[in-house]
């Protein structure tokens, strides 16, 4: 995915795109571990696309689904 295409997305679309890419990455990693696929290039590309989306979201100040995961610490 090209950076220009990602920059044209709205904030909601950006968050949705990140969730979709993370889901695709999870499925590919699962298939890789099960021995059903050997698409390392696709995994690498998805990781780069996720990084692009997160970078542009951070530039805009948009909180995405993965980055807003609040952690609660018990003391």
Protein backbone atom coordinates (compact mmCIF):
# COMPACT_ATOMS: atom_id res chain seq x y z
CA UNK A 1 0.00 0.00 0.00
CA UNK A 2 1.38 3.38 -1.00
CA UNK A 3 1.77 6.15 1.61
CA UNK A 4 -0.26 8.54 -0.55
CA UNK A 5 -3.20 6.16 -0.48
CA UNK A 6 -2.97 5.86 3.31
CA UNK A 7 -2.78 9.63 3.74
CA UNK A 8 -6.06 10.04 1.82
CA UNK A 9 -7.95 7.87 4.32
CA UNK A 10 -10.10 9.42 7.02
CA UNK A 11 -9.30 8.82 10.67
CA UNK A 12 -12.00 6.15 11.02
CA UNK A 13 -10.87 4.42 7.84
CA UNK A 14 -7.29 4.53 9.12
CA UNK A 15 -8.25 2.73 12.33
CA UNK A 16 -10.32 0.21 10.38
CA UNK A 17 -7.44 -0.39 7.95
CA UNK A 18 -5.05 -1.08 10.82
CA UNK A 19 -7.44 -3.64 12.34
CA UNK A 20 -7.85 -5.36 8.97
CA UNK A 21 -4.10 -5.52 8.39
CA UNK A 22 -3.50 -6.91 11.88
CA UNK A 23 -6.16 -9.58 11.27
CA UNK A 24 -4.56 -10.54 7.97
CA UNK A 25 -1.13 -10.71 9.60
CA UNK A 26 -2.47 -12.92 12.39
CA UNK A 27 -4.05 -15.31 9.89
CA UNK A 28 -0.89 -15.52 7.79
CA UNK A 29 1.28 -16.16 10.85
CA UNK A 30 -1.12 -18.87 11.97
CA UNK A 31 -1.00 -20.52 8.53
CA UNK A 32 2.79 -20.27 8.53
CA UNK A 33 3.02 -22.02 11.89
CA UNK A 34 0.61 -24.72 10.74
CA UNK A 35 2.74 -25.32 7.64
CA UNK A 36 0.00 -24.33 5.22
CA UNK A 37 1.83 -21.41 3.61
CA UNK A 38 5.29 -20.06 3.02
CA UNK A 39 4.42 -16.48 2.09
CA UNK A 40 7.16 -14.65 3.94
CA UNK A 41 7.09 -11.77 1.46
CA UNK A 42 3.40 -11.19 2.14
CA UNK A 43 4.01 -11.17 5.91
CA UNK A 44 6.84 -8.69 5.50
CA UNK A 45 4.66 -6.47 3.31
CA UNK A 46 1.80 -6.55 5.82
CA UNK A 47 4.14 -5.56 8.63
CA UNK A 48 5.36 -2.60 6.58
CA UNK A 49 1.79 -1.57 5.74
CA UNK A 50 0.87 -1.69 9.44
CA UNK A 51 3.90 0.47 10.23
CA UNK A 52 2.84 2.98 7.55
CA UNK A 53 -0.69 3.19 8.92
CA UNK A 54 0.56 3.61 12.49
CA UNK A 55 3.06 6.28 11.45
CA UNK A 56 0.46 8.34 9.62
CA UNK A 57 -2.01 7.91 12.49
CA UNK A 58 0.64 9.12 14.92
CA UNK A 59 1.37 12.14 12.69
CA UNK A 60 -2.30 13.07 12.77
CA UNK A 61 -2.66 12.36 16.48
CA UNK A 62 -5.24 9.64 15.90
CA UNK A 63 -5.48 6.93 18.53
CA UNK A 64 -5.74 3.56 16.79
CA UNK A 65 -7.23 0.40 18.24
CA UNK A 66 -3.92 -1.29 19.01
CA UNK A 67 -2.14 1.77 20.38
CA UNK A 68 -4.98 2.70 22.73
CA UNK A 69 -4.88 -0.59 24.60
CA UNK A 70 -4.97 0.75 28.12
CA UNK A 71 -3.08 -1.33 30.61
CA UNK A 72 -4.25 -1.51 34.17
CA UNK A 73 -1.57 -2.07 36.72
CA UNK A 74 -2.42 -3.69 40.01
CA UNK A 75 -0.42 -2.53 42.98
